[in-house]
Amino acid sequence: MSKRALYIKMFAAGAVMCVGGPALIIYVTPTEEELFKRYNPELQKRSLANREERQQDFDNFVGKIKEYSKSSKPIWAAAAEDEARTKANSAEEQRRVADEIQKRREEIKRHSLNG
């Protein structure tokens, strides 16, 4: 067998694998609708009920990523800063609520002792 025939055969085999492999994957992978039809009715109802919430979560995520990308810092650094800021705000809110609860307890004790 000549070198030319060997190269042609190798090129043809490579083309079949490079084109045929992804084409086979696309052919055998079910679409979202086909997967949804395979669900039992209870799962279909639950999926439809949660779809809007999941879409809203995804939209919020994409919005945050866009916000982080506007920063001059890398996205992961901006996300870490935002997460730290959110934790600090959450801790402050919890402290405020705990103080408020403590004040209410003291007030209730004063009223119960006086009244």
N, C-alpha and C. Protein backbone atom coordinates (compact mmCIF):
# COMPACT_ATOMS: atom_id res chain seq x y z
N MET A 1 0.85 -1.17 0.00
CA MET A 1 0.00 0.00 0.00
C MET A 1 0.90 1.24 0.00
N SER A 2 0.59 2.19 -0.87
CA SER A 2 1.43 3.37 -0.98
C SER A 2 1.14 4.34 0.17
N LYS A 3 2.04 5.27 0.34
CA LYS A 3 1.87 6.25 1.40
C LYS A 3 0.64 7.11 1.16
N ARG A 4 0.38 7.42 -0.10
CA ARG A 4 -0.77 8.25 -0.44
C ARG A 4 -2.07 7.57 -0.02
N ALA A 5 -2.20 6.29 -0.29
CA ALA A 5 -3.41 5.55 0.09
C ALA A 5 -3.54 5.49 1.60
N LEU A 6 -2.42 5.33 2.29
CA LEU A 6 -2.45 5.28 3.75
C LEU A 6 -2.91 6.62 4.32
N TYR A 7 -2.40 7.73 3.77
CA TYR A 7 -2.82 9.05 4.23
C TYR A 7 -4.30 9.30 3.95
N ILE A 8 -4.76 8.89 2.78
CA ILE A 8 -6.18 9.06 2.44
C ILE A 8 -7.04 8.26 3.39
N LYS A 9 -6.64 7.03 3.67
CA LYS A 9 -7.40 6.18 4.58
C LYS A 9 -7.41 6.78 5.99
N MET A 10 -6.27 7.30 6.46
CA MET A 10 -6.21 7.91 7.79
C MET A 10 -7.06 9.18 7.85
N PHE A 11 -7.00 9.99 6.80
CA PHE A 11 -7.79 11.21 6.75
C PHE A 11 -9.29 10.88 6.76
N ALA A 12 -9.69 9.89 5.99
CA ALA A 12 -11.10 9.49 5.94
C ALA A 12 -11.56 8.96 7.30
N ALA A 13 -10.74 8.14 7.94
CA ALA A 13 -11.11 7.61 9.26
C ALA A 13 -11.20 8.73 10.28
N GLY A 14 -10.28 9.67 10.23
CA GLY A 14 -10.32 10.82 11.15
C GLY A 14 -11.55 11.67 10.93
N ALA A 15 -11.89 11.90 9.66
CA ALA A 15 -13.08 12.70 9.35
C ALA A 15 -14.34 12.01 9.83
N VAL A 16 -14.41 10.69 9.64
CA VAL A 16 -15.58 9.94 10.11
C VAL A 16 -15.71 10.06 11.62
N MET A 17 -14.59 9.95 12.33
CA MET A 17 -14.65 10.04 13.80
C MET A 17 -14.97 11.46 14.26
N CYS A 18 -14.36 12.46 13.63
CA CYS A 18 -14.57 13.85 14.05
C CYS A 18 -15.98 14.35 13.73
N VAL A 19 -16.55 13.89 12.64
CA VAL A 19 -17.90 14.32 12.26
C VAL A 19 -18.94 13.33 12.77
N GLY A 20 -18.65 12.06 12.65
CA GLY A 20 -19.63 11.04 13.02
C GLY A 20 -19.86 10.93 14.51
N GLY A 21 -18.82 11.11 15.32
CA GLY A 21 -18.97 11.00 16.78
C GLY A 21 -19.95 12.02 17.34
N PRO A 22 -19.71 13.31 17.09
CA PRO A 22 -20.67 14.31 17.58
C PRO A 22 -22.06 14.15 16.96
N ALA A 23 -22.12 13.74 15.68
CA ALA A 23 -23.43 13.53 15.05
C ALA A 23 -24.18 12.41 15.75
N LEU A 24 -23.49 11.35 16.12
CA LEU A 24 -24.12 10.24 16.84
C LEU A 24 -24.62 10.69 18.21
N ILE A 25 -23.82 11.48 18.91
CA ILE A 25 -24.22 11.99 20.22
C ILE A 25 -25.47 12.86 20.09
N ILE A 26 -25.50 13.73 19.11
CA ILE A 26 -26.67 14.59 18.90
C ILE A 26 -27.89 13.74 18.57
N TYR A 27 -27.69 12.68 17.80
CA TYR A 27 -28.81 11.82 17.39
C TYR A 27 -29.40 11.06 18.58
N VAL A 28 -28.56 10.55 19.48
CA VAL A 28 -29.07 9.70 20.57
C VAL A 28 -29.44 10.47 21.83
N THR A 29 -29.05 11.75 21.95
CA THR A 29 -29.38 12.53 23.14
C THR A 29 -30.82 13.01 23.04
N PRO A 30 -31.65 12.73 24.06
CA PRO A 30 -33.05 13.18 24.01
C PRO A 30 -33.15 14.68 24.26
N THR A 31 -34.19 15.28 23.70
CA THR A 31 -34.42 16.70 23.93
C THR A 31 -35.08 16.89 25.29
N GLU A 32 -35.18 18.15 25.72
CA GLU A 32 -35.82 18.43 27.02
C GLU A 32 -37.28 18.00 27.01
N GLU A 33 -37.96 18.19 25.90
CA GLU A 33 -39.37 17.80 25.82
C GLU A 33 -39.53 16.29 25.95
N GLU A 34 -38.64 15.54 25.30
CA GLU A 34 -38.72 14.08 25.40
C GLU A 34 -38.47 13.61 26.83
N LEU A 35 -37.51 14.23 27.49
CA LEU A 35 -37.27 13.87 28.90
C LEU A 35 -38.47 14.22 29.77
N PHE A 36 -39.06 15.38 29.53
CA PHE A 36 -40.21 15.82 30.32
C PHE A 36 -41.39 14.87 30.13
N LYS A 37 -41.58 14.37 28.91
CA LYS A 37 -42.68 13.44 28.65
C LYS A 37 -42.47 12.11 29.37
N ARG A 38 -41.23 11.76 29.66
CA ARG A 38 -40.94 10.50 30.35
C ARG A 38 -41.21 10.59 31.86
N TYR A 39 -41.31 11.81 32.39
CA TYR A 39 -41.60 11.97 33.82
C TYR A 39 -42.98 11.41 34.12
N ASN A 40 -43.16 10.97 35.37
CA ASN A 40 -44.52 10.60 35.76
C ASN A 40 -45.31 11.88 36.00
N PRO A 41 -46.64 11.83 36.02
CA PRO A 41 -47.45 13.06 36.12
C PRO A 41 -47.13 13.91 37.35
N GLU A 42 -46.82 13.26 38.47
CA GLU A 42 -46.52 14.04 39.68
C GLU A 42 -45.25 14.86 39.49
N LEU A 43 -44.23 14.24 38.91
CA LEU A 43 -42.98 14.97 38.66
C LEU A 43 -43.17 16.08 37.63
N GLN A 44 -44.04 15.85 36.64
CA GLN A 44 -44.31 16.90 35.66
C GLN A 44 -44.94 18.11 36.34
N LYS A 45 -45.91 17.87 37.23
CA LYS A 45 -46.56 18.99 37.94
C LYS A 45 -45.54 19.73 38.79
N ARG A 46 -44.71 18.98 39.51
CA ARG A 46 -43.72 19.60 40.38
C ARG A 46 -42.70 20.40 39.56
N SER A 47 -42.31 19.84 38.43
CA SER A 47 -41.35 20.52 37.56
C SER A 47 -41.94 21.81 37.02
N LEU A 48 -43.19 21.76 36.60
CA LEU A 48 -43.84 22.98 36.10
C LEU A 48 -44.00 24.01 37.21
N ALA A 49 -44.30 23.56 38.43
CA ALA A 49 -44.48 24.49 39.54
C ALA A 49 -43.16 25.16 39.92
N ASN A 50 -42.06 24.44 39.82
CA ASN A 50 -40.76 24.99 40.22
C ASN A 50 -40.02 25.67 39.08
N ARG A 51 -40.55 25.59 37.88
CA ARG A 51 -39.84 26.13 36.72
C ARG A 51 -39.62 27.63 36.84
N GLU A 52 -40.64 28.36 37.26
CA GLU A 52 -40.53 29.81 37.35
C GLU A 52 -39.50 30.21 38.41
N GLU A 53 -39.52 29.50 39.54
CA GLU A 53 -38.57 29.79 40.61
C GLU A 53 -37.13 29.53 40.15
N ARG A 54 -36.92 28.41 39.46
CA ARG A 54 -35.58 28.10 38.95
C ARG A 54 -35.14 29.12 37.92
N GLN A 55 -36.07 29.56 37.07
CA GLN A 55 -35.74 30.57 36.06
C GLN A 55 -35.36 31.88 36.74
N GLN A 56 -36.08 32.25 37.79
CA GLN A 56 -35.77 33.48 38.52
C GLN A 56 -34.40 33.36 39.19
N ASP A 57 -34.09 32.21 39.78
CA ASP A 57 -32.78 32.00 40.39
C ASP A 57 -31.67 32.13 39.35
N PHE A 58 -31.90 31.54 38.18
CA PHE A 58 -30.90 31.62 37.12
C PHE A 58 -30.72 33.06 36.65
N ASP A 59 -31.83 33.80 36.50
CA ASP A 59 -31.74 35.20 36.08
C ASP A 59 -30.97 36.02 37.11
N ASN A 60 -31.22 35.77 38.40
CA ASN A 60 -30.48 36.47 39.46
C ASN A 60 -28.99 36.14 39.38
N PHE A 61 -28.68 34.87 39.15
CA PHE A 61 -27.28 34.44 39.03
C PHE A 61 -26.60 35.15 37.86
N VAL A 62 -27.27 35.18 36.71
CA VAL A 62 -26.69 35.84 35.54
C VAL A 62 -26.52 37.34 35.79
N GLY A 63 -27.49 37.94 36.47
CA GLY A 63 -27.38 39.36 36.81
C GLY A 63 -26.19 39.64 37.70
N LYS A 64 -25.97 38.76 38.69
CA LYS A 64 -24.81 38.94 39.57
C LYS A 64 -23.51 38.78 38.80
N ILE A 65 -23.47 37.80 37.91
CA ILE A 65 -22.25 37.59 37.11
C ILE A 65 -21.99 38.82 36.23
N LYS A 66 -23.02 39.40 35.65
CA LYS A 66 -22.84 40.61 34.84
C LYS A 66 -22.34 41.75 35.71
N GLU A 67 -22.89 41.86 36.92
CA GLU A 67 -22.45 42.91 37.85
C GLU A 67 -20.98 42.71 38.23
N TYR A 68 -20.60 41.47 38.50
CA TYR A 68 -19.21 41.17 38.84
C TYR A 68 -18.27 41.45 37.67
N SER A 69 -18.74 41.21 36.46
CA SER A 69 -17.88 41.41 35.29
C SER A 69 -17.60 42.89 35.03
N LYS A 70 -18.44 43.79 35.55
CA LYS A 70 -18.21 45.22 35.37
C LYS A 70 -17.04 45.71 36.20
N SER A 71 -16.69 44.96 37.24
CA SER A 71 -15.57 45.31 38.10
C SER A 71 -14.26 45.07 37.37
N SER A 72 -13.22 45.79 37.77
CA SER A 72 -11.91 45.57 37.16
C SER A 72 -11.24 44.32 37.72
N LYS A 73 -11.78 43.78 38.79
CA LYS A 73 -11.23 42.58 39.42
C LYS A 73 -11.76 41.34 38.71
N PRO A 74 -11.08 40.20 38.91
CA PRO A 74 -11.63 38.95 38.36
C PRO A 74 -12.99 38.64 38.98
N ILE A 75 -13.81 37.91 38.24
CA ILE A 75 -15.17 37.62 38.69
C ILE A 75 -15.17 36.91 40.02
N TRP A 76 -14.26 35.93 40.20
CA TRP A 76 -14.26 35.17 41.45
C TRP A 76 -13.87 36.06 42.64
N ALA A 77 -13.01 37.05 42.42
CA ALA A 77 -12.64 37.96 43.51
C ALA A 77 -13.81 38.87 43.85
N ALA A 78 -14.49 39.38 42.83
CA ALA A 78 -15.66 40.23 43.07
C ALA A 78 -16.77 39.44 43.75
N ALA A 79 -16.93 38.18 43.36
CA ALA A 79 -17.95 37.33 43.98
C ALA A 79 -17.60 37.06 45.44
N ALA A 80 -16.32 36.84 45.73
CA ALA A 80 -15.90 36.60 47.11
C ALA A 80 -16.13 37.84 47.97
N GLU A 81 -15.85 39.02 47.43
CA GLU A 81 -16.10 40.26 48.17
C GLU A 81 -17.59 40.44 48.43
N ASP A 82 -18.40 40.18 47.42
CA ASP A 82 -19.84 40.31 47.59
C ASP A 82 -20.37 39.31 48.61
N GLU A 83 -19.84 38.10 48.58
CA GLU A 83 -20.25 37.08 49.55
C GLU A 83 -19.86 37.51 50.97
N ALA A 84 -18.66 38.06 51.13
CA ALA A 84 -18.23 38.53 52.45
C ALA A 84 -19.11 39.68 52.92
N ARG A 85 -19.45 40.59 52.01
CA ARG A 85 -20.32 41.71 52.35
C ARG A 85 -21.70 41.21 52.75
N THR A 86 -22.21 40.23 52.02
CA THR A 86 -23.52 39.66 52.33
C THR A 86 -23.50 38.97 53.69
N LYS A 87 -22.43 38.24 53.99
CA LYS A 87 -22.31 37.58 55.30
C LYS A 87 -22.25 38.61 56.42
N ALA A 88 -21.50 39.69 56.20
CA ALA A 88 -21.40 40.73 57.22
C ALA A 88 -22.77 41.37 57.45
N ASN A 89 -23.49 41.65 56.38
CA ASN A 89 -24.83 42.23 56.52
C ASN A 89 -25.76 41.26 57.23
N SER A 90 -25.65 39.99 56.90
CA SER A 90 -26.49 38.98 57.54
C SER A 90 -26.17 38.87 59.02
N ALA A 91 -24.88 38.88 59.36
CA ALA A 91 -24.48 38.81 60.77
C ALA A 91 -24.98 40.03 61.52
N GLU A 92 -24.88 41.20 60.91
CA GLU A 92 -25.37 42.43 61.55
C GLU A 92 -26.88 42.36 61.75
N GLU A 93 -27.59 41.86 60.76
CA GLU A 93 -29.05 41.71 60.87
C GLU A 93 -29.41 40.74 61.98
N GLN A 94 -28.68 39.63 62.08
CA GLN A 94 -28.95 38.66 63.15
C GLN A 94 -28.67 39.27 64.52
N ARG A 95 -27.59 40.05 64.63
CA ARG A 95 -27.28 40.72 65.89
C ARG A 95 -28.39 41.70 66.26
N ARG A 96 -28.87 42.44 65.28
CA ARG A 96 -29.93 43.41 65.53
C ARG A 96 -31.20 42.72 65.99
N VAL A 97 -31.55 41.62 65.33
CA VAL A 97 -32.75 40.86 65.71
C VAL A 97 -32.59 40.28 67.10
N ALA A 98 -31.40 39.76 67.41
CA ALA A 98 -31.16 39.20 68.74
C ALA A 98 -31.28 40.28 69.81
N ASP A 99 -30.74 41.47 69.55
CA ASP A 99 -30.86 42.57 70.50
C ASP A 99 -32.33 42.96 70.69
N GLU A 100 -33.06 43.00 69.59
CA GLU A 100 -34.47 43.34 69.66
C GLU A 100 -35.25 42.31 70.48
N ILE A 101 -34.96 41.05 70.27
CA ILE A 101 -35.62 39.99 71.05
C ILE A 101 -35.28 40.11 72.52
N GLN A 102 -34.01 40.40 72.82
CA GLN A 102 -33.59 40.55 74.21
C GLN A 102 -34.31 41.73 74.86
N LYS A 103 -34.45 42.84 74.14
CA LYS A 103 -35.16 44.00 74.68
C LYS A 103 -36.62 43.66 74.95
N ARG A 104 -37.24 42.92 74.04
CA ARG A 104 -38.63 42.52 74.25
C ARG A 104 -38.77 41.63 75.47
N ARG A 105 -37.83 40.70 75.66
CA ARG A 105 -37.87 39.83 76.83
C ARG A 105 -37.75 40.64 78.12
N GLU A 106 -36.81 41.58 78.12
CA GLU A 106 -36.64 42.42 79.31
C GLU A 106 -37.90 43.24 79.57
N GLU A 107 -38.49 43.76 78.52
CA GLU A 107 -39.72 44.55 78.67
C GLU A 107 -40.85 43.68 79.21
N ILE A 108 -40.96 42.46 78.71
CA ILE A 108 -42.00 41.54 79.19
C ILE A 108 -41.75 41.21 80.66
N LYS A 109 -40.49 41.00 81.05
CA LYS A 109 -40.17 40.72 82.45
C LYS A 109 -40.54 41.90 83.34
N ARG A 110 -40.22 43.12 82.88
CA ARG A 110 -40.57 44.31 83.67
C ARG A 110 -42.07 44.44 83.84
N HIS A 111 -42.82 44.19 82.76
CA HIS A 111 -44.27 44.29 82.84
C HIS A 111 -44.85 43.20 83.73
N SER A 112 -44.28 42.02 83.67
CA SER A 112 -44.81 40.93 84.50
C SER A 112 -44.48 41.15 85.97
N LEU A 113 -43.33 41.75 86.27
CA LEU A 113 -42.98 42.04 87.67
C LEU A 113 -43.79 43.21 88.22
N ASN A 114 -44.06 44.18 87.38
CA ASN A 114 -44.82 45.36 87.81
C ASN A 114 -46.32 45.10 87.85
N GLY A 115 -46.77 44.27 87.00
CA GLY A 115 -48.19 44.15 86.85
C GLY A 115 -48.81 42.97 87.42
